[in-house]
C-alpha atoms as a PDB file:
ATOM      1  CA  MET A   1      -5.637  -8.846   7.902  1.00  0.00           C
ATOM      2  CA  ASP A   2      -7.302  -5.566   7.134  1.00  0.00           C
ATOM      3  CA  ILE A   3      -5.465  -3.082   4.971  1.00  0.00           C
ATOM      4  CA  PRO A   4      -5.573   0.701   5.388  1.00  0.00           C
ATOM      5  CA  GLU A   5      -8.231   2.618   3.469  1.00  0.00           C
ATOM      6  CA  SER A   6      -5.479   4.753   1.876  1.00  0.00           C
ATOM      7  CA  VAL A   7      -3.873   1.609   0.421  1.00  0.00           C
ATOM      8  CA  ARG A   8      -7.239   0.336  -0.797  1.00  0.00           C
ATOM      9  CA  GLN A   9      -7.928   3.687  -2.514  1.00  0.00           C
ATOM     10  CA  ALA A  10      -4.483   3.788  -4.153  1.00  0.00           C
ATOM     11  CA  LEU A  11      -4.961   0.250  -5.498  1.00  0.00           C
ATOM     12  CA  ALA A  12      -8.498   1.038  -6.709  1.00  0.00           C
ATOM     13  CA  GLU A  13      -7.228   4.103  -8.591  1.00  0.00           C
ATOM     14  CA  LEU A  14      -4.470   2.054 -10.206  1.00  0.00           C
ATOM     15  CA  SER A  15      -7.006  -0.634 -11.167  1.00  0.00           C
ATOM     16  CA  ARG A  16      -9.317   1.971 -12.746  1.00  0.00           C
ATOM     17  CA  ARG A  17      -6.462   3.293 -14.891  1.00  0.00           C
ATOM     18  CA  LEU A  18      -5.195  -0.130 -15.944  1.00  0.00           C
ATOM     19  CA  ALA A  19      -8.685  -1.542 -16.618  1.00  0.00           C
ATOM     20  CA  LYS A  20      -8.933   0.811 -19.584  1.00  0.00           C
ATOM     21  CA  ILE A  21      -6.035  -0.921 -21.329  1.00  0.00           C
ATOM     22  CA  SER A  22      -6.588  -4.560 -20.333  1.00  0.00           C
ATOM     23  CA  ARG A  23     -10.017  -5.686 -21.435  1.00  0.00           C
ATOM     24  CA  GLY A  24      -9.205  -9.399 -21.011  1.00  0.00           C
ATOM     25  CA  ALA A  25      -9.069  -8.977 -17.248  1.00  0.00           C
ATOM     26  CA  ARG A  26     -11.840  -9.219 -14.674  1.00  0.00           C
ATOM     27  CA  TRP A  27     -10.931  -6.495 -12.198  1.00  0.00           C
ATOM     28  CA  VAL A  28     -11.586  -7.269  -8.546  1.00  0.00           C
ATOM     29  CA  PRO A  29     -13.655  -4.757  -6.542  1.00  0.00           C
ATOM     30  CA  LEU A  30     -11.355  -3.560  -3.766  1.00  0.00           C
ATOM     31  CA  GLU A  31     -13.923  -2.385  -1.200  1.00  0.00           C
ATOM     32  CA  GLY A  32     -13.438  -5.540   0.867  1.00  0.00           C
ATOM     33  CA  ALA A  33      -9.785  -6.130   0.002  1.00  0.00           C
ATOM     34  CA  HIS A  34      -7.701  -7.667   2.760  1.00  0.00           C
ATOM     35  CA  LEU A  35      -4.610  -9.807   3.138  1.00  0.00           C
ATOM     36  CA  THR A  36      -5.545 -13.477   3.275  1.00  0.00           C
ATOM     37  CA  VAL A  37      -3.067 -15.270   5.511  1.00  0.00           C
ATOM     38  CA  LYS A  38      -4.870 -18.627   5.211  1.00  0.00           C
ATOM     39  CA  PHE A  39      -7.788 -19.575   2.963  1.00  0.00           C
ATOM     40  CA  ILE A  40      -9.818 -22.224   4.762  1.00  0.00           C
ATOM     41  CA  GLY A  41     -12.586 -23.006   2.301  1.00  0.00           C
ATOM     42  CA  GLU A  42     -16.106 -24.176   3.016  1.00  0.00           C
ATOM     43  CA  VAL A  43     -16.635 -25.827   6.398  1.00  0.00           C
ATOM     44  CA  PRO A  44     -19.681 -27.014   8.367  1.00  0.00           C
ATOM     45  CA  THR A  45     -20.942 -24.757  11.172  1.00  0.00           C
ATOM     46  CA  GLU A  46     -19.592 -26.973  13.962  1.00  0.00           C
ATOM     47  CA  LYS A  47     -16.106 -26.927  12.422  1.00  0.00           C
ATOM     48  CA  ALA A  48     -16.277 -23.130  12.097  1.00  0.00           C
ATOM     49  CA  ALA A  49     -16.636 -22.914  15.884  1.00  0.00           C
ATOM     50  CA  GLN A  50     -13.598 -25.188  16.327  1.00  0.00           C
ATOM     51  CA  ILE A  51     -11.625 -23.003  13.925  1.00  0.00           C
ATOM     52  CA  GLN A  52     -12.508 -19.885  15.902  1.00  0.00           C
ATOM     53  CA  SER A  53     -11.285 -21.539  19.103  1.00  0.00           C
ATOM     54  CA  ALA A  54      -8.083 -22.817  17.488  1.00  0.00           C
ATOM     55  CA  LEU A  55      -7.218 -19.378  16.118  1.00  0.00           C
ATOM     56  CA  ALA A  56      -7.648 -17.890  19.587  1.00  0.00           C
ATOM     57  CA  GLU A  57      -4.711 -20.106  20.637  1.00  0.00           C
ATOM     58  CA  VAL A  58      -2.345 -18.583  18.050  1.00  0.00           C
ATOM     59  CA  ARG A  59       0.251 -16.564  19.895  1.00  0.00           C
ATOM     60  CA  THR A  60       2.754 -14.116  18.525  1.00  0.00           C
ATOM     61  CA  ILE A  61       4.210 -11.087  20.225  1.00  0.00           C
ATOM     62  CA  THR A  62       5.892  -9.328  17.332  1.00  0.00           C
ATOM     63  CA  PRO A  63       3.786  -6.800  15.411  1.00  0.00           C
ATOM     64  CA  VAL A  64       3.438  -7.502  11.702  1.00  0.00           C
ATOM     65  CA  ASP A  65       4.919  -4.751   9.538  1.00  0.00           C
ATOM     66  CA  LEU A  66       3.513  -4.630   6.020  1.00  0.00           C
ATOM     67  CA  ARG A  67       4.690  -2.616   3.028  1.00  0.00           C
ATOM     68  CA  PHE A  68       2.301  -2.646   0.075  1.00  0.00           C
ATOM     69  CA  ALA A  69       4.536  -2.386  -2.980  1.00  0.00           C
ATOM     70  CA  ALA A  70       5.272  -3.826  -6.415  1.00  0.00           C
ATOM     71  CA  LEU A  71       3.071  -5.444  -9.041  1.00  0.00           C
ATOM     72  CA  GLY A  72       3.226  -8.890 -10.574  1.00  0.00           C
ATOM     73  CA  PHE A  73       1.497 -11.883 -12.111  1.00  0.00           C
ATOM     74  CA  PHE A  74       0.727 -15.442 -11.006  1.00  0.00           C
ATOM     75  CA  PRO A  75       1.974 -17.875 -12.109  1.00  0.00           C
ATOM     76  CA  ASP A  76       4.182 -15.546 -14.189  1.00  0.00           C
ATOM     77  CA  ALA A  77       4.004 -12.693 -16.716  1.00  0.00           C
ATOM     78  CA  LYS A  78       4.032 -15.043 -19.746  1.00  0.00           C
ATOM     79  CA  ARG A  79       0.969 -17.079 -18.655  1.00  0.00           C
ATOM     80  CA  PRO A  80      -0.827 -14.773 -16.246  1.00  0.00           C
ATOM     81  CA  ARG A  81      -3.976 -15.867 -14.445  1.00  0.00           C
ATOM     82  CA  VAL A  82      -3.781 -13.254 -11.677  1.00  0.00           C
ATOM     83  CA  PHE A  83      -2.466  -9.679 -11.509  1.00  0.00           C
ATOM     84  CA  TRP A  84      -1.468  -8.636  -7.983  1.00  0.00           C
ATOM     85  CA  ALA A  85      -0.024  -5.938  -5.768  1.00  0.00           C
ATOM     86  CA  GLY A  86       2.730  -7.265  -3.557  1.00  0.00           C
ATOM     87  CA  ILE A  87       3.134  -7.151   0.200  1.00  0.00           C
ATOM     88  CA  GLU A  88       6.528  -7.180   1.874  1.00  0.00           C
ATOM     89  CA  SER A  89       6.738  -8.010   5.572  1.00  0.00           C
ATOM     90  CA  ASN A  90       8.981  -8.592   8.517  1.00  0.00           C
ATOM     91  CA  PRO A  91       9.383 -12.262   9.578  1.00  0.00           C
ATOM     92  CA  ALA A  92       6.370 -11.957  11.914  1.00  0.00           C
ATOM     93  CA  LEU A  93       3.918 -12.507   9.035  1.00  0.00           C
ATOM     94  CA  GLY A  94       5.567 -15.801   8.044  1.00  0.00           C
ATOM     95  CA  GLU A  95       5.588 -16.888  11.687  1.00  0.00           C
ATOM     96  CA  LEU A  96       1.885 -16.073  11.957  1.00  0.00           C
ATOM     97  CA  PHE A  97       1.184 -18.095   8.805  1.00  0.00           C
ATOM     98  CA  VAL A  98       3.061 -21.119  10.207  1.00  0.00           C
ATOM     99  CA  ALA A  99       1.224 -20.887  13.538  1.00  0.00           C
ATOM    100  CA  ILE A 100      -2.188 -20.653  11.841  1.00  0.00           C
ATOM    101  CA  GLU A 101      -1.358 -23.578   9.527  1.00  0.00           C
ATOM    102  CA  ALA A 102      -0.355 -25.749  12.503  1.00  0.00           C
ATOM    103  CA  ARG A 103      -3.501 -24.982  14.531  1.00  0.00           C
ATOM    104  CA  LEU A 104      -5.826 -25.570  11.581  1.00  0.00           C
ATOM    105  CA  ALA A 105      -4.043 -28.705  10.336  1.00  0.00           C
ATOM    106  CA  ALA A 106      -4.804 -30.257  13.731  1.00  0.00           C
ATOM    107  CA  LEU A 107      -8.492 -29.771  12.848  1.00  0.00           C
ATOM    108  CA  GLY A 108      -8.097 -31.422   9.449  1.00  0.00           C
ATOM    109  CA  VAL A 109      -7.896 -28.200   7.412  1.00  0.00           C
ATOM    110  CA  ALA A 110      -5.589 -28.910   4.471  1.00  0.00           C
ATOM    111  CA  ARG A 111      -2.165 -27.299   4.576  1.00  0.00           C
ATOM    112  CA  GLU A 112      -1.293 -24.907   1.778  1.00  0.00           C
ATOM    113  CA  THR A 113       0.798 -26.624  -0.879  1.00  0.00           C
ATOM    114  CA  ARG A 114       1.995 -23.408  -2.517  1.00  0.00           C
ATOM    115  CA  GLU A 115       4.558 -21.013  -1.099  1.00  0.00           C
ATOM    116  CA  PHE A 116       2.990 -18.253   1.018  1.00  0.00           C
ATOM    117  CA  ARG A 117       3.180 -15.131  -1.169  1.00  0.00           C
ATOM    118  CA  PRO A 118       1.304 -12.235   0.475  1.00  0.00           C
ATOM    119  CA  HIS A 119      -0.526 -10.122  -2.093  1.00  0.00           C
ATOM    120  CA  ILE A 120      -3.734  -8.322  -2.967  1.00  0.00           C
ATOM    121  CA  THR A 121      -5.429  -9.672  -6.101  1.00  0.00           C
ATOM    122  CA  LEU A 122      -6.237  -6.853  -8.512  1.00  0.00           C
ATOM    123  CA  ALA A 123      -7.478  -8.820 -11.552  1.00  0.00           C
ATOM    124  CA  ARG A 124      -7.993 -12.289 -12.991  1.00  0.00           C
ATOM    125  CA  PHE A 125      -7.524 -13.034 -16.675  1.00  0.00           C
ATOM    126  CA  HIS A 126      -9.949 -14.748 -19.004  1.00  0.00           C
ATOM    127  CA  SER A 127      -8.140 -13.796 -22.207  1.00  0.00           C
ATOM    128  CA  ALA A 128      -4.893 -12.203 -23.332  1.00  0.00           C
ATOM    129  CA  GLU A 129      -6.688  -9.157 -24.772  1.00  0.00           C
ATOM    130  CA  GLY A 130      -4.823  -6.029 -23.699  1.00  0.00           C
ATOM    131  CA  MET A 131      -1.963  -7.977 -22.139  1.00  0.00           C
ATOM    132  CA  GLY A 132       0.759  -6.182 -24.129  1.00  0.00           C
ATOM    133  CA  PRO A 133      -0.315  -2.710 -22.999  1.00  0.00           C
ATOM    134  CA  LEU A 134      -0.759  -3.944 -19.427  1.00  0.00           C
ATOM    135  CA  HIS A 135       2.778  -5.365 -19.363  1.00  0.00           C
ATOM    136  CA  ALA A 136       4.107  -2.059 -20.735  1.00  0.00           C
ATOM    137  CA  ALA A 137       2.203  -0.055 -18.107  1.00  0.00           C
ATOM    138  CA  VAL A 138       3.442  -2.283 -15.279  1.00  0.00           C
ATOM    139  CA  GLU A 139       7.032  -1.971 -16.510  1.00  0.00           C
ATOM    140  CA  GLU A 140       6.672   1.806 -16.700  1.00  0.00           C
ATOM    141  CA  LEU A 141       5.317   1.954 -13.139  1.00  0.00           C
ATOM    142  CA  GLY A 142       8.398   0.143 -11.811  1.00  0.00           C
ATOM    143  CA  MET A 143       8.115  -0.566  -8.072  1.00  0.00           C
ATOM    144  CA  PRO A 144       5.228   1.586  -6.875  1.00  0.00           C
ATOM    145  CA  GLU A 145       4.558   1.795  -3.157  1.00  0.00           C
ATOM    146  CA  PHE A 146       0.949   1.998  -1.959  1.00  0.00           C
ATOM    147  CA  GLY A 147       1.449   2.402   1.795  1.00  0.00           C
ATOM    148  CA  ARG A 148       2.451   0.699   5.023  1.00  0.00           C
ATOM    149  CA  LEU A 149       0.832  -0.828   8.090  1.00  0.00           C
ATOM    150  CA  THR A 150       1.944  -2.176  11.449  1.00  0.00           C
ATOM    151  CA  THR A 151      -0.680  -4.394  13.059  1.00  0.00           C
ATOM    152  CA  ARG A 152      -1.105  -6.438  16.233  1.00  0.00           C
ATOM    153  CA  GLU A 153      -4.208  -8.345  15.174  1.00  0.00           C
ATOM    154  CA  PHE A 154      -5.721 -10.616  12.562  1.00  0.00           C
ATOM    155  CA  HIS A 155      -9.303 -11.531  11.753  1.00  0.00           C
ATOM    156  CA  LEU A 156     -11.375 -14.529  10.731  1.00  0.00           C
ATOM    157  CA  TYR A 157     -13.598 -13.643   7.790  1.00  0.00           C
ATOM    158  CA  GLN A 158     -16.440 -15.533   6.196  1.00  0.00           C
ATOM    159  CA  SER A 159     -16.788 -15.001   2.470  1.00  0.00           C
ATOM    160  CA  VAL A 160     -19.971 -15.648   0.553  1.00  0.00           C
ATOM    161  CA  LEU A 161     -19.771 -15.560  -3.219  1.00  0.00           C
ATOM    162  CA  GLN A 162     -22.370 -13.293  -4.788  1.00  0.00           C
ATOM    163  CA  ARG A 163     -22.986 -12.742  -8.506  1.00  0.00           C
ATOM    164  CA  ALA A 164     -20.516  -9.883  -8.923  1.00  0.00           C
ATOM    165  CA  ARG A 165     -18.139 -10.396  -5.987  1.00  0.00           C
ATOM    166  CA  ALA A 166     -17.539 -11.974  -2.621  1.00  0.00           C
ATOM    167  CA  GLU A 167     -19.220 -10.540   0.448  1.00  0.00           C
ATOM    168  CA  TYR A 168     -17.037 -10.609   3.576  1.00  0.00           C
ATOM    169  CA  THR A 169     -18.221 -10.775   7.184  1.00  0.00           C
ATOM    170  CA  ARG A 170     -15.765 -10.509  10.078  1.00  0.00           C
ATOM    171  CA  LEU A 171     -16.467 -13.357  12.512  1.00  0.00           C
ATOM    172  CA  ALA A 172     -13.676 -12.769  15.030  1.00  0.00           C
ATOM    173  CA  THR A 173     -10.655 -10.600  15.808  1.00  0.00           C
ATOM    174  CA  TYR A 174      -7.527 -12.022  17.408  1.00  0.00           C
ATOM    175  CA  ALA A 175      -5.108  -9.641  19.120  1.00  0.00           C
ATOM    176  CA  PHE A 176      -1.467 -10.615  19.330  1.00  0.00           C
ATOM    177  CA  SER A 177      -0.291 -11.537  22.791  1.00  0.00           C
ATOM    178  CA  ARG A 178       2.013  -9.042  24.462  1.00  0.00           C
ATOM    179  CA  GLU A 179       3.840 -11.899  26.206  1.00  0.00           C
ATOM    180  CA  PRO A 180       5.184 -15.186  24.900  1.00  0.00           C
ATOM    181  CA  ALA A 181       2.956 -18.215  25.449  1.00  0.00           C
ATOM    182  CA  SER A 182       4.332 -20.573  28.096  1.00  0.00           C
END
């Protein structure tokens, strides 16, 4: 799902400030930031077409309400590998995730083994350098809010890893149905 430009800018500004104190992190460029509902991985061209068709069958009628708020670490603050901005949602996002998982599992796409935790990745860690000051800054920030979004669509993106970052291309947009599927 796309995120509003205002949210992207707020997160980029926060990342610029925090990058100065956490040199052990590789900060993610946020120009193409989006909410990944399901990571599919590399697939052959013919399977990509099947995936596009399967996603067109996903039906939900409830808009997804997103609140971009909070900061945290995966797997946790003591052994961080990822620094993230959180996303809170109404139940519609979880329902969308379940529907996408079911459609793609039927095509042989592996189900996610981890709990679905919507977030925007801000940084990945290669060392603990600057971790103390980063923890202090995050604690001082408390529960910042970066914006909100209500959406009635999701997208299929292709990502191609480049030297410095991933390049994203939107392949398809899927609007939520206004009526329940029969």
